[in-house]
C-alpha atoms as a PDB file:
ATOM      1  CA  MET A   1       0.000   0.000   0.000  1.00  0.00           C
ATOM      2  CA  THR A   2       1.208   3.478  -0.788  1.00  0.00           C
ATOM      3  CA  ASN A   3       2.434   5.862   1.883  1.00  0.00           C
ATOM      4  CA  SER A   4       1.366   8.930  -0.072  1.00  0.00           C
ATOM      5  CA  PHE A   5      -1.841  10.395   1.258  1.00  0.00           C
ATOM      6  CA  VAL A   6      -3.708  12.021  -1.618  1.00  0.00           C
ATOM      7  CA  GLU A   7      -6.028  14.755  -0.363  1.00  0.00           C
ATOM      8  CA  PHE A   8      -8.536  16.973  -2.078  1.00  0.00           C
ATOM      9  CA  SER A   9     -12.175  17.760  -1.609  1.00  0.00           C
ATOM     10  CA  SER A  10     -15.468  18.549  -3.240  1.00  0.00           C
ATOM     11  CA  GLU A  11     -18.395  20.370  -1.698  1.00  0.00           C
ATOM     12  CA  ARG A  12     -19.180  17.832   1.043  1.00  0.00           C
ATOM     13  CA  LEU A  13     -16.549  15.141   0.569  1.00  0.00           C
ATOM     14  CA  PHE A  14     -12.872  14.616   1.207  1.00  0.00           C
ATOM     15  CA  TYR A  15     -10.891  12.103  -0.912  1.00  0.00           C
ATOM     16  CA  THR A  16      -7.803  10.221   0.260  1.00  0.00           C
ATOM     17  CA  SER A  17      -5.694   7.298  -0.860  1.00  0.00           C
ATOM     18  CA  LEU A  18      -6.204   4.027   0.973  1.00  0.00           C
ATOM     19  CA  GLN A  19      -4.435   3.562   4.308  1.00  0.00           C
ATOM     20  CA  VAL A  20      -4.311   0.308   6.303  1.00  0.00           C
ATOM     21  CA  ALA A  21      -6.230   2.007   9.131  1.00  0.00           C
ATOM     22  CA  ASP A  22      -9.187   2.528   6.726  1.00  0.00           C
ATOM     23  CA  ILE A  23      -9.826  -1.165   6.045  1.00  0.00           C
ATOM     24  CA  GLY A  24     -12.117  -1.838   9.030  1.00  0.00           C
ATOM     25  CA  ASP A  25     -14.417   1.086   8.235  1.00  0.00           C
ATOM     26  CA  LEU A  26     -14.530   0.093   4.563  1.00  0.00           C
ATOM     27  CA  PHE A  27     -15.178  -3.583   5.323  1.00  0.00           C
ATOM     28  CA  ALA A  28     -18.217  -2.558   7.377  1.00  0.00           C
ATOM     29  CA  PHE A  29     -20.085  -2.004   4.098  1.00  0.00           C
ATOM     30  CA  LEU A  30     -17.863  -3.682   1.449  1.00  0.00           C
ATOM     31  CA  GLY A  31     -18.344  -6.923   3.395  1.00  0.00           C
ATOM     32  CA  ASP A  32     -22.095  -6.474   3.853  1.00  0.00           C
ATOM     33  CA  PRO A  33     -23.972  -8.819   1.471  1.00  0.00           C
ATOM     34  CA  VAL A  34     -27.088  -6.626   1.506  1.00  0.00           C
ATOM     35  CA  ALA A  35     -25.204  -3.399   0.770  1.00  0.00           C
ATOM     36  CA  MET A  36     -23.101  -5.085  -1.944  1.00  0.00           C
ATOM     37  CA  ARG A  37     -25.890  -7.210  -3.465  1.00  0.00           C
ATOM     38  CA  PHE A  38     -25.321  -5.705  -6.919  1.00  0.00           C
ATOM     39  CA  THR A  39     -21.538  -6.023  -6.916  1.00  0.00           C
ATOM     40  CA  HIS A  40     -18.568  -7.757  -5.294  1.00  0.00           C
ATOM     41  CA  CYS A  41     -18.839  -8.473  -1.565  1.00  0.00           C
ATOM     42  CA  ASP A  42     -15.718  -9.264   0.455  1.00  0.00           C
ATOM     43  CA  LYS A  43     -16.150 -12.340   2.648  1.00  0.00           C
ATOM     44  CA  THR A  44     -13.517 -11.448   5.268  1.00  0.00           C
ATOM     45  CA  ILE A  45     -11.623  -8.360   6.343  1.00  0.00           C
ATOM     46  CA  ASP A  46      -8.428  -9.993   5.024  1.00  0.00           C
ATOM     47  CA  ASP A  47     -10.084 -10.495   1.613  1.00  0.00           C
ATOM     48  CA  CYS A  48     -11.125  -6.845   1.683  1.00  0.00           C
ATOM     49  CA  GLU A  49      -7.611  -5.675   2.517  1.00  0.00           C
ATOM     50  CA  ARG A  50      -6.049  -7.808  -0.250  1.00  0.00           C
ATOM     51  CA  ARG A  51      -8.550  -6.591  -2.856  1.00  0.00           C
ATOM     52  CA  LEU A  52      -8.389  -2.902  -1.945  1.00  0.00           C
ATOM     53  CA  SER A  53      -4.589  -3.052  -1.699  1.00  0.00           C
ATOM     54  CA  ALA A  54      -4.442  -4.454  -5.251  1.00  0.00           C
ATOM     55  CA  PHE A  55      -6.458  -1.470  -6.478  1.00  0.00           C
ATOM     56  CA  GLU A  56      -4.309   0.968  -4.484  1.00  0.00           C
ATOM     57  CA  ALA A  57      -1.114  -0.579  -5.881  1.00  0.00           C
ATOM     58  CA  ARG A  58      -2.177   0.569  -9.354  1.00  0.00           C
ATOM     59  CA  ARG A  59      -2.220   4.254  -8.321  1.00  0.00           C
ATOM     60  CA  LYS A  60       1.463   4.676  -9.122  1.00  0.00           C
ATOM     61  CA  SER A  61       1.399   2.915 -12.518  1.00  0.00           C
ATOM     62  CA  ASP A  62      -1.983   4.221 -13.719  1.00  0.00           C
ATOM     63  CA  GLY A  63      -1.903   7.650 -12.091  1.00  0.00           C
ATOM     64  CA  PHE A  64      -5.248   7.022 -10.385  1.00  0.00           C
ATOM     65  CA  ALA A  65      -7.046   4.510  -8.151  1.00  0.00           C
ATOM     66  CA  PRO A  66     -10.218   4.574  -6.073  1.00  0.00           C
ATOM     67  CA  TRP A  67     -10.329   6.997  -3.197  1.00  0.00           C
ATOM     68  CA  VAL A  68     -11.488   6.525   0.350  1.00  0.00           C
ATOM     69  CA  ILE A  69     -14.429   8.910   0.613  1.00  0.00           C
ATOM     70  CA  ARG A  70     -14.915  10.852   3.823  1.00  0.00           C
ATOM     71  CA  LEU A  71     -17.369  13.465   4.977  1.00  0.00           C
ATOM     72  CA  ARG A  72     -15.619  16.823   5.111  1.00  0.00           C
ATOM     73  CA  GLN A  73     -17.452  17.781   8.302  1.00  0.00           C
ATOM     74  CA  ASP A  74     -16.001  14.983  10.453  1.00  0.00           C
ATOM     75  CA  GLN A  75     -13.645  12.889   8.249  1.00  0.00           C
ATOM     76  CA  ARG A  76     -15.901   9.830   8.708  1.00  0.00           C
ATOM     77  CA  ILE A  77     -15.440   7.182   5.989  1.00  0.00           C
ATOM     78  CA  ILE A  78     -18.651   6.752   4.003  1.00  0.00           C
ATOM     79  CA  GLY A  79     -17.477   5.222   0.729  1.00  0.00           C
ATOM     80  CA  TRP A  80     -14.832   4.043  -1.688  1.00  0.00           C
ATOM     81  CA  GLY A  81     -14.619   4.711  -5.397  1.00  0.00           C
ATOM     82  CA  GLY A  82     -13.582   6.885  -8.290  1.00  0.00           C
ATOM     83  CA  LEU A  83     -11.387   6.063 -11.267  1.00  0.00           C
ATOM     84  CA  TYR A  84      -9.606   2.737 -11.652  1.00  0.00           C
ATOM     85  CA  ILE A  85      -8.415  -0.063 -13.860  1.00  0.00           C
ATOM     86  CA  ASP A  86      -9.596  -3.265 -12.193  1.00  0.00           C
ATOM     87  CA  PRO A  87      -6.457  -5.245 -11.288  1.00  0.00           C
ATOM     88  CA  PHE A  88      -8.488  -8.460 -11.474  1.00  0.00           C
ATOM     89  CA  ASP A  89     -10.090  -7.712 -14.862  1.00  0.00           C
ATOM     90  CA  PRO A  90      -8.029  -4.951 -16.535  1.00  0.00           C
ATOM     91  CA  ASP A  91      -9.329  -5.550 -20.064  1.00  0.00           C
ATOM     92  CA  TRP A  92     -12.326  -3.261 -19.474  1.00  0.00           C
ATOM     93  CA  GLY A  93      -9.952  -0.288 -19.285  1.00  0.00           C
ATOM     94  CA  GLN A  94     -10.534   2.831 -17.220  1.00  0.00           C
ATOM     95  CA  GLU A  95     -13.664   2.624 -15.098  1.00  0.00           C
ATOM     96  CA  LEU A  96     -15.748   4.730 -12.767  1.00  0.00           C
ATOM     97  CA  GLY A  97     -17.088   2.956  -9.699  1.00  0.00           C
ATOM     98  CA  TYR A  98     -18.670   3.946  -6.395  1.00  0.00           C
ATOM     99  CA  PHE A  99     -19.509   2.015  -3.263  1.00  0.00           C
ATOM    100  CA  PHE A 100     -21.120   3.665  -0.243  1.00  0.00           C
ATOM    101  CA  ASN A 101     -22.184   2.758   3.247  1.00  0.00           C
ATOM    102  CA  PRO A 102     -25.987   2.303   3.008  1.00  0.00           C
ATOM    103  CA  ASP A 103     -26.465   4.859   5.785  1.00  0.00           C
ATOM    104  CA  PHE A 104     -25.433   7.472   3.180  1.00  0.00           C
ATOM    105  CA  TRP A 105     -27.396   6.283   0.137  1.00  0.00           C
ATOM    106  CA  GLY A 106     -29.855   8.678  -1.467  1.00  0.00           C
ATOM    107  CA  GLN A 107     -28.068  11.849  -0.323  1.00  0.00           C
ATOM    108  CA  GLY A 108     -26.271  12.727  -3.564  1.00  0.00           C
ATOM    109  CA  TYR A 109     -22.827  11.526  -2.482  1.00  0.00           C
ATOM    110  CA  ALA A 110     -22.444   9.145  -5.452  1.00  0.00           C
ATOM    111  CA  THR A 111     -23.271  12.015  -7.805  1.00  0.00           C
ATOM    112  CA  GLU A 112     -20.754  14.279  -6.087  1.00  0.00           C
ATOM    113  CA  LEU A 113     -18.038  11.620  -6.232  1.00  0.00           C
ATOM    114  CA  ALA A 114     -18.805  10.754  -9.876  1.00  0.00           C
ATOM    115  CA  LYS A 115     -18.699  14.396 -10.993  1.00  0.00           C
ATOM    116  CA  THR A 116     -15.398  14.867  -9.148  1.00  0.00           C
ATOM    117  CA  ALA A 117     -13.937  11.712 -10.723  1.00  0.00           C
ATOM    118  CA  ILE A 118     -15.084  12.664 -14.234  1.00  0.00           C
ATOM    119  CA  ASP A 119     -13.621  16.148 -13.832  1.00  0.00           C
ATOM    120  CA  HIS A 120     -10.381  14.615 -12.558  1.00  0.00           C
ATOM    121  CA  ALA A 121     -10.298  12.197 -15.521  1.00  0.00           C
ATOM    122  CA  ARG A 122     -10.846  15.023 -18.020  1.00  0.00           C
ATOM    123  CA  HIS A 123      -8.300  17.447 -16.582  1.00  0.00           C
ATOM    124  CA  GLN A 124      -5.689  15.345 -14.781  1.00  0.00           C
ATOM    125  CA  THR A 125      -5.407  12.187 -16.909  1.00  0.00           C
ATOM    126  CA  ALA A 126      -5.176  11.136 -20.542  1.00  0.00           C
ATOM    127  CA  ILE A 127      -8.228   8.865 -20.252  1.00  0.00           C
ATOM    128  CA  PRO A 128     -10.179   9.152 -23.541  1.00  0.00           C
ATOM    129  CA  VAL A 129     -13.143   6.915 -22.633  1.00  0.00           C
ATOM    130  CA  LEU A 130     -14.548   5.977 -19.250  1.00  0.00           C
ATOM    131  CA  THR A 131     -16.531   2.770 -18.650  1.00  0.00           C
ATOM    132  CA  ALA A 132     -18.978   2.022 -15.852  1.00  0.00           C
ATOM    133  CA  PHE A 133     -21.142  -0.958 -14.966  1.00  0.00           C
ATOM    134  CA  ALA A 134     -24.482  -1.224 -13.204  1.00  0.00           C
ATOM    135  CA  HIS A 135     -26.423  -4.336 -12.286  1.00  0.00           C
ATOM    136  CA  HIS A 136     -29.676  -4.288 -14.269  1.00  0.00           C
ATOM    137  CA  GLU A 137     -31.702  -4.213 -11.032  1.00  0.00           C
ATOM    138  CA  ASN A 138     -29.707  -1.293  -9.652  1.00  0.00           C
ATOM    139  CA  ARG A 139     -31.884   1.348 -11.280  1.00  0.00           C
ATOM    140  CA  SER A 140     -30.474   4.177  -9.156  1.00  0.00           C
ATOM    141  CA  SER A 141     -26.955   3.567 -10.422  1.00  0.00           C
ATOM    142  CA  ALA A 142     -28.041   3.284 -14.071  1.00  0.00           C
ATOM    143  CA  LYS A 143     -30.079   6.478 -13.717  1.00  0.00           C
ATOM    144  CA  LEU A 144     -27.075   8.297 -12.215  1.00  0.00           C
ATOM    145  CA  LEU A 145     -24.792   7.169 -15.041  1.00  0.00           C
ATOM    146  CA  ARG A 146     -27.266   8.323 -17.729  1.00  0.00           C
ATOM    147  CA  ARG A 147     -27.759  11.663 -15.937  1.00  0.00           C
ATOM    148  CA  LEU A 148     -23.978  12.182 -15.953  1.00  0.00           C
ATOM    149  CA  GLY A 149     -23.830  11.577 -19.714  1.00  0.00           C
ATOM    150  CA  PHE A 150     -22.897   7.919 -19.917  1.00  0.00           C
ATOM    151  CA  GLU A 151     -24.408   5.952 -22.792  1.00  0.00           C
ATOM    152  CA  LYS A 152     -25.648   2.402 -22.229  1.00  0.00           C
ATOM    153  CA  LEU A 153     -23.756   0.040 -24.533  1.00  0.00           C
ATOM    154  CA  GLY A 154     -25.489  -3.199 -23.631  1.00  0.00           C
ATOM    155  CA  PHE A 155     -25.632  -6.114 -21.234  1.00  0.00           C
ATOM    156  CA  VAL A 156     -22.495  -8.052 -20.254  1.00  0.00           C
ATOM    157  CA  ARG A 157     -23.738 -11.559 -19.493  1.00  0.00           C
ATOM    158  CA  GLN A 158     -20.622 -12.829 -17.682  1.00  0.00           C
ATOM    159  CA  MET A 159     -20.823  -9.876 -15.265  1.00  0.00           C
ATOM    160  CA  ASN A 160     -24.628  -9.747 -15.092  1.00  0.00           C
ATOM    161  CA  ARG A 161     -24.369  -5.981 -15.527  1.00  0.00           C
ATOM    162  CA  ASP A 162     -25.142  -3.283 -18.053  1.00  0.00           C
ATOM    163  CA  ARG A 163     -22.109  -1.561 -19.538  1.00  0.00           C
ATOM    164  CA  PHE A 164     -21.991   2.221 -19.920  1.00  0.00           C
ATOM    165  CA  SER A 165     -19.447   4.453 -21.612  1.00  0.00           C
ATOM    166  CA  MET A 166     -18.558   8.143 -21.704  1.00  0.00           C
ATOM    167  CA  VAL A 167     -16.189   9.792 -24.181  1.00  0.00           C
ATOM    168  CA  LEU A 168     -13.998  12.264 -22.317  1.00  0.00           C
ATOM    169  CA  LYS A 169     -11.638  13.291 -25.093  1.00  0.00           C
ATOM    170  CA  PRO A 170     -11.831  12.853 -28.856  1.00  0.00           C
ATOM    171  CA  VAL A 171      -9.909   9.773 -29.938  1.00  0.00           C
END
């Protein structure tokens, strides 16, 4: 895991790189089968640490990785996400993803994170196209992606998710 502590903020959120001390707070929802019913759910805290560390390890080579998302008002961890190339399935390219503690769903935090990540991708990276996935039953996520300007490309059977794409820079 990296020792650099990336810090910046948006209106209500504070974004940092992953630190070992964050794993327990992240596992509280990333290991919750109900909260993660539309995506990957870590079975143990060790599984969670290994998976998140693999994502964090790509920060140096890719120039980006998911952020730990904290409330600006009290630094409490409420989510994890942003830009990434999945170390376990890199062929999909640069992706946008977001995972939040259910206590903070429906409050616009995913929108705030996604807008921040898209802006970061446009202005701080060379990413030409951003991909995102949403389980077909996760209507809120699909609606958010369409509202942000993503176009639905179709259903990916092996993932059981719809694939979305957004052109950031002309190719």
